[in-house]
Structures are given as C-alpha cells and as structure tokens.
Amino acid sequence: NDEIVKDGSERDDDDDEEALAKIDEPEDTDSGRGGDEVTESEREITTSSDAPIPSTTIPSIILKNLPTFNSAFCFDERLMSLETTFSEYRQTNLFVNVVSAIPGIVHQYMTQQITEAIREGVQIQTYRLQDSLQQENDEFLCNIDENMKKIIKGQ
C-alpha cells in the first residue's frame, strides 16, 4: 500500500468513496438485487465491514448562528408594526366617529335651542296678548260703566 495514513482521514475517505460506489453501481443478476442478495433495508444497517456513516448532528455553534424564525422573518418587527398600525387605525376610527357625530350633536343642540327660543317667543306673545286683551276688556268695562251711568242719570 502506497497510501499515507494520517489519522485515518485519507483511508477513511477512500473507504467512503468505495462504499458509495458499491451502492450506486447496479449489478445485473437474475434477482435484480445484486450479487450479494442484500436488500435496501439491510444496506442501511451498518456493520463493521461497511464504512461508518458520518454523524448528522449539527454543532451547537452553527445552531447558535442560525437565525431563528422570529429573526429570519422579522416577526417581532412586523408584529410591532401591525400593532402600531392597528392602534393608529383605532384612533383614527375613533376620530372619524367623533367627527361624524358632530352634525348630530349640532342638530340636537340647535333643536333644543330653537325649541327653547320658540317656547320663550310664544310665552312673550302670550303675555302681550293677555295684556292687550286685558286692556281691551278693561276699556270695554269702562265704556259699559260710563254708559250705565249716563242711562241712570238720564232717567
């Protein structure tokens, strides 16, 4: 062997390549499975003669550097923006409701004011008419009284 073995790395790499080549090469036999009659599920089971399958665990430093769902999609920022927009909408909506209520409030106020003004006007007219009628009544009674006195003197 002319292979230089340094910590088993080059030899391990060659073994891995050979194992992959064996798996990738289809062998033509009557059964269609290959010369050693190994099924696919049996190939997945590692034995001492097979090359070791490298670990699929991810080092924790890589996991720490991977962005989280929140940071990758700016979830917190989007949520805060949505909350702010909704709050502004609610405030604007309240403002619109208040502004749209102003004509109704003005109408109600004007109705009350007009009703009160009419009531006062009617009351003033009533007092004037009462005074005028009382004055006419008093004049009429004076005329009757004078006419009765003339009739009594004339007899």
C-alpha atoms as a PDB file:
ATOM      1  CA  ASN A   1       0.000   0.000   0.000  1.00  0.00           C
ATOM      2  CA  ASP A   2       1.357   3.370  -1.029  1.00  0.00           C
ATOM      3  CA  GLU A   3      -1.341   5.124   0.965  1.00  0.00           C
ATOM      4  CA  ILE A   4      -0.250   7.576   3.596  1.00  0.00           C
ATOM      5  CA  VAL A   5      -2.471   7.268   6.585  1.00  0.00           C
ATOM      6  CA  LYS A   6      -2.773  10.410   8.642  1.00  0.00           C
ATOM      7  CA  ASP A   7      -5.174   9.908  11.499  1.00  0.00           C
ATOM      8  CA  GLY A   8      -7.086   7.594   9.173  1.00  0.00           C
ATOM      9  CA  SER A   9      -8.513  10.505   7.211  1.00  0.00           C
ATOM     10  CA  GLU A  10      -7.327   9.591   3.681  1.00  0.00           C
ATOM     11  CA  ARG A  11      -8.066   5.929   4.182  1.00  0.00           C
ATOM     12  CA  ASP A  12     -11.497   6.748   5.598  1.00  0.00           C
ATOM     13  CA  ASP A  13     -12.203   8.959   2.593  1.00  0.00           C
ATOM     14  CA  ASP A  14     -11.245   6.147   0.196  1.00  0.00           C
ATOM     15  CA  ASP A  15     -13.404   3.678   2.118  1.00  0.00           C
ATOM     16  CA  ASP A  16     -16.333   6.082   1.960  1.00  0.00           C
ATOM     17  CA  GLU A  17     -15.905   6.514  -1.779  1.00  0.00           C
ATOM     18  CA  GLU A  18     -15.738   2.741  -2.317  1.00  0.00           C
ATOM     19  CA  ALA A  19     -18.848   2.179  -0.214  1.00  0.00           C
ATOM     20  CA  LEU A  20     -20.747   4.840  -2.141  1.00  0.00           C
ATOM     21  CA  ALA A  21     -19.573   3.382  -5.453  1.00  0.00           C
ATOM     22  CA  LYS A  22     -20.853  -0.061  -4.427  1.00  0.00           C
ATOM     23  CA  ILE A  23     -24.238   1.341  -3.514  1.00  0.00           C
ATOM     24  CA  ASP A  24     -24.504   3.407  -6.709  1.00  0.00           C
ATOM     25  CA  GLU A  25     -23.443   0.538  -9.071  1.00  0.00           C
ATOM     26  CA  PRO A  26     -26.351  -1.616 -10.171  1.00  0.00           C
ATOM     27  CA  GLU A  27     -25.394  -5.268 -10.551  1.00  0.00           C
ATOM     28  CA  ASP A  28     -27.123  -7.322 -13.184  1.00  0.00           C
ATOM     29  CA  THR A  29     -28.328 -10.601 -11.740  1.00  0.00           C
ATOM     30  CA  ASP A  30     -31.390 -12.720 -12.151  1.00  0.00           C
ATOM     31  CA  SER A  31     -32.956 -11.413  -8.963  1.00  0.00           C
ATOM     32  CA  GLY A  32     -32.184  -7.810  -9.866  1.00  0.00           C
ATOM     33  CA  ARG A  33     -30.781  -7.143  -6.405  1.00  0.00           C
ATOM     34  CA  GLY A  34     -27.090  -7.677  -6.852  1.00  0.00           C
ATOM     35  CA  GLY A  35     -24.668 -10.482  -6.266  1.00  0.00           C
ATOM     36  CA  ASP A  36     -24.688 -10.485  -2.503  1.00  0.00           C
ATOM     37  CA  GLU A  37     -28.500 -10.638  -2.175  1.00  0.00           C
ATOM     38  CA  VAL A  38     -28.650  -7.645   0.224  1.00  0.00           C
ATOM     39  CA  THR A  39     -31.915  -5.715   0.326  1.00  0.00           C
ATOM     40  CA  GLU A  40     -32.074  -1.929   0.519  1.00  0.00           C
ATOM     41  CA  SER A  41     -33.142  -2.020   4.177  1.00  0.00           C
ATOM     42  CA  GLU A  42     -30.207  -4.311   5.008  1.00  0.00           C
ATOM     43  CA  ARG A  43     -27.770  -1.877   3.339  1.00  0.00           C
ATOM     44  CA  GLU A  44     -28.850   0.856   5.717  1.00  0.00           C
ATOM     45  CA  ILE A  45     -27.730  -1.206   8.690  1.00  0.00           C
ATOM     46  CA  THR A  46     -24.049  -0.548   9.246  1.00  0.00           C
ATOM     47  CA  THR A  47     -21.743  -3.402  10.053  1.00  0.00           C
ATOM     48  CA  SER A  48     -18.085  -3.452  10.904  1.00  0.00           C
ATOM     49  CA  SER A  49     -17.184  -4.098   7.248  1.00  0.00           C
ATOM     50  CA  ASP A  50     -19.188  -1.103   5.977  1.00  0.00           C
ATOM     51  CA  ALA A  51     -17.808   2.410   6.111  1.00  0.00           C
ATOM     52  CA  PRO A  52     -19.108   4.407   9.058  1.00  0.00           C
ATOM     53  CA  ILE A  53     -21.853   6.878   8.233  1.00  0.00           C
ATOM     54  CA  PRO A  54     -20.881  10.359   9.350  1.00  0.00           C
ATOM     55  CA  SER A  55     -22.927  11.892  12.130  1.00  0.00           C
ATOM     56  CA  THR A  56     -25.705  14.240  11.048  1.00  0.00           C
ATOM     57  CA  THR A  57     -25.680  16.252  14.235  1.00  0.00           C
ATOM     58  CA  ILE A  58     -25.040  19.943  13.710  1.00  0.00           C
ATOM     59  CA  PRO A  59     -22.518  21.541  16.033  1.00  0.00           C
ATOM     60  CA  SER A  60     -24.115  23.861  18.559  1.00  0.00           C
ATOM     61  CA  ILE A  61     -22.104  26.861  17.337  1.00  0.00           C
ATOM     62  CA  ILE A  62     -23.757  26.536  13.926  1.00  0.00           C
ATOM     63  CA  LEU A  63     -27.164  26.217  15.548  1.00  0.00           C
ATOM     64  CA  LYS A  64     -26.486  29.328  17.596  1.00  0.00           C
ATOM     65  CA  ASN A  65     -25.596  31.255  14.450  1.00  0.00           C
ATOM     66  CA  LEU A  66     -28.653  30.104  12.514  1.00  0.00           C
ATOM     67  CA  PRO A  67     -31.367  32.744  12.576  1.00  0.00           C
ATOM     68  CA  THR A  68     -34.477  31.895  14.492  1.00  0.00           C
ATOM     69  CA  PHE A  69     -37.893  32.021  12.862  1.00  0.00           C
ATOM     70  CA  ASN A  70     -38.585  35.362  14.530  1.00  0.00           C
ATOM     71  CA  SER A  71     -35.363  36.997  13.380  1.00  0.00           C
ATOM     72  CA  ALA A  72     -35.331  35.435   9.908  1.00  0.00           C
ATOM     73  CA  PHE A  73     -38.761  36.779   9.076  1.00  0.00           C
ATOM     74  CA  CYS A  74     -38.547  39.918  11.275  1.00  0.00           C
ATOM     75  CA  PHE A  75     -41.565  38.546  13.118  1.00  0.00           C
ATOM     76  CA  ASP A  76     -41.229  40.842  16.141  1.00  0.00           C
ATOM     77  CA  GLU A  77     -40.801  43.948  13.989  1.00  0.00           C
ATOM     78  CA  ARG A  78     -43.738  43.002  11.798  1.00  0.00           C
ATOM     79  CA  LEU A  79     -45.892  42.329  14.844  1.00  0.00           C
ATOM     80  CA  MET A  80     -44.984  45.690  16.387  1.00  0.00           C
ATOM     81  CA  SER A  81     -45.683  47.431  13.069  1.00  0.00           C
ATOM     82  CA  LEU A  82     -49.047  45.699  12.802  1.00  0.00           C
ATOM     83  CA  GLU A  83     -49.940  46.626  16.390  1.00  0.00           C
ATOM     84  CA  THR A  84     -48.949  50.256  15.735  1.00  0.00           C
ATOM     85  CA  THR A  85     -50.947  50.385  12.510  1.00  0.00           C
ATOM     86  CA  PHE A  86     -53.969  48.837  14.211  1.00  0.00           C
ATOM     87  CA  SER A  87     -53.678  51.275  17.127  1.00  0.00           C
ATOM     88  CA  GLU A  88     -53.447  54.208  14.704  1.00  0.00           C
ATOM     89  CA  TYR A  89     -56.450  52.849  12.807  1.00  0.00           C
ATOM     90  CA  ARG A  90     -58.452  52.570  16.017  1.00  0.00           C
ATOM     91  CA  GLN A  91     -57.507  56.131  16.998  1.00  0.00           C
ATOM     92  CA  THR A  92     -58.314  57.397  13.502  1.00  0.00           C
ATOM     93  CA  ASN A  93     -61.525  55.402  13.519  1.00  0.00           C
ATOM     94  CA  LEU A  94     -62.474  56.937  16.885  1.00  0.00           C
ATOM     95  CA  PHE A  95     -61.625  60.374  15.499  1.00  0.00           C
ATOM     96  CA  VAL A  96     -63.771  59.705  12.428  1.00  0.00           C
ATOM     97  CA  ASN A  97     -66.619  58.522  14.665  1.00  0.00           C
ATOM     98  CA  VAL A  98     -66.339  61.643  16.816  1.00  0.00           C
ATOM     99  CA  VAL A  99     -66.172  63.943  13.793  1.00  0.00           C
ATOM    100  CA  SER A 100     -69.102  62.198  12.134  1.00  0.00           C
ATOM    101  CA  ALA A 101     -71.118  62.584  15.359  1.00  0.00           C
ATOM    102  CA  ILE A 102     -70.689  66.393  15.320  1.00  0.00           C
ATOM    103  CA  PRO A 103     -73.569  67.106  12.885  1.00  0.00           C
ATOM    104  CA  GLY A 104     -75.921  65.045  15.051  1.00  0.00           C
ATOM    105  CA  ILE A 105     -74.765  66.840  18.191  1.00  0.00           C
ATOM    106  CA  VAL A 106     -75.145  70.237  16.485  1.00  0.00           C
ATOM    107  CA  HIS A 107     -78.598  69.246  15.206  1.00  0.00           C
ATOM    108  CA  GLN A 108     -79.677  68.156  18.684  1.00  0.00           C
ATOM    109  CA  TYR A 109     -78.283  71.371  20.209  1.00  0.00           C
ATOM    110  CA  MET A 110     -79.968  73.531  17.578  1.00  0.00           C
ATOM    111  CA  THR A 111     -83.247  71.672  18.076  1.00  0.00           C
ATOM    112  CA  GLN A 112     -83.060  72.303  21.822  1.00  0.00           C
ATOM    113  CA  GLN A 113     -82.121  75.952  21.305  1.00  0.00           C
ATOM    114  CA  ILE A 114     -84.843  76.531  18.716  1.00  0.00           C
ATOM    115  CA  THR A 115     -87.412  74.774  20.883  1.00  0.00           C
ATOM    116  CA  GLU A 116     -86.440  76.949  23.852  1.00  0.00           C
ATOM    117  CA  ALA A 117     -86.451  80.111  21.715  1.00  0.00           C
ATOM    118  CA  ILE A 118     -89.892  79.245  20.326  1.00  0.00           C
ATOM    119  CA  ARG A 119     -91.191  78.497  23.813  1.00  0.00           C
ATOM    120  CA  GLU A 120     -89.889  81.871  25.041  1.00  0.00           C
ATOM    121  CA  GLY A 121     -91.316  83.639  21.977  1.00  0.00           C
ATOM    122  CA  VAL A 122     -94.697  82.014  22.453  1.00  0.00           C
ATOM    123  CA  GLN A 123     -94.642  82.907  26.157  1.00  0.00           C
ATOM    124  CA  ILE A 124     -93.795  86.551  25.381  1.00  0.00           C
ATOM    125  CA  GLN A 125     -96.563  86.727  22.751  1.00  0.00           C
ATOM    126  CA  THR A 126     -98.980  85.112  25.180  1.00  0.00           C
ATOM    127  CA  TYR A 127     -98.164  87.738  27.834  1.00  0.00           C
ATOM    128  CA  ARG A 128     -98.544  90.541  25.246  1.00  0.00           C
ATOM    129  CA  LEU A 129    -101.873  89.155  24.046  1.00  0.00           C
ATOM    130  CA  GLN A 130    -103.070  88.727  27.619  1.00  0.00           C
ATOM    131  CA  ASP A 131    -102.049  92.310  28.402  1.00  0.00           C
ATOM    132  CA  SER A 132    -103.692  93.581  25.204  1.00  0.00           C
ATOM    133  CA  LEU A 133    -106.894  91.617  25.843  1.00  0.00           C
ATOM    134  CA  GLN A 134    -106.935  92.703  29.473  1.00  0.00           C
ATOM    135  CA  GLN A 135    -106.559  96.318  28.347  1.00  0.00           C
ATOM    136  CA  GLU A 136    -109.390  95.931  25.801  1.00  0.00           C
ATOM    137  CA  ASN A 137    -111.514  94.212  28.427  1.00  0.00           C
ATOM    138  CA  ASP A 138    -110.802  96.990  30.904  1.00  0.00           C
ATOM    139  CA  GLU A 139    -111.727  99.636  28.273  1.00  0.00           C
ATOM    140  CA  PHE A 140    -114.902  97.733  27.397  1.00  0.00           C
ATOM    141  CA  LEU A 141    -115.898  97.523  31.059  1.00  0.00           C
ATOM    142  CA  CYS A 142    -115.175 101.254  31.481  1.00  0.00           C
ATOM    143  CA  ASN A 143    -117.373 102.037  28.462  1.00  0.00           C
ATOM    144  CA  ILE A 144    -120.179  99.885  29.855  1.00  0.00           C
ATOM    145  CA  ASP A 145    -119.795 101.521  33.244  1.00  0.00           C
ATOM    146  CA  GLU A 146    -119.944 105.032  31.692  1.00  0.00           C
ATOM    147  CA  ASN A 147    -122.919 104.110  29.512  1.00  0.00           C
ATOM    148  CA  MET A 148    -124.799 102.727  32.535  1.00  0.00           C
ATOM    149  CA  LYS A 149    -124.104 105.910  34.464  1.00  0.00           C
ATOM    150  CA  LYS A 150    -125.432 108.025  31.553  1.00  0.00           C
ATOM    151  CA  ILE A 151    -128.543 105.889  31.335  1.00  0.00           C
ATOM    152  CA  ILE A 152    -129.151 106.161  35.080  1.00  0.00           C
ATOM    153  CA  LYS A 153    -128.635 109.989  35.041  1.00  0.00           C
ATOM    154  CA  GLY A 154    -130.899 110.353  32.048  1.00  0.00           C
ATOM    155  CA  GLN A 155    -133.819 108.745  33.766  1.00  0.00           C
END
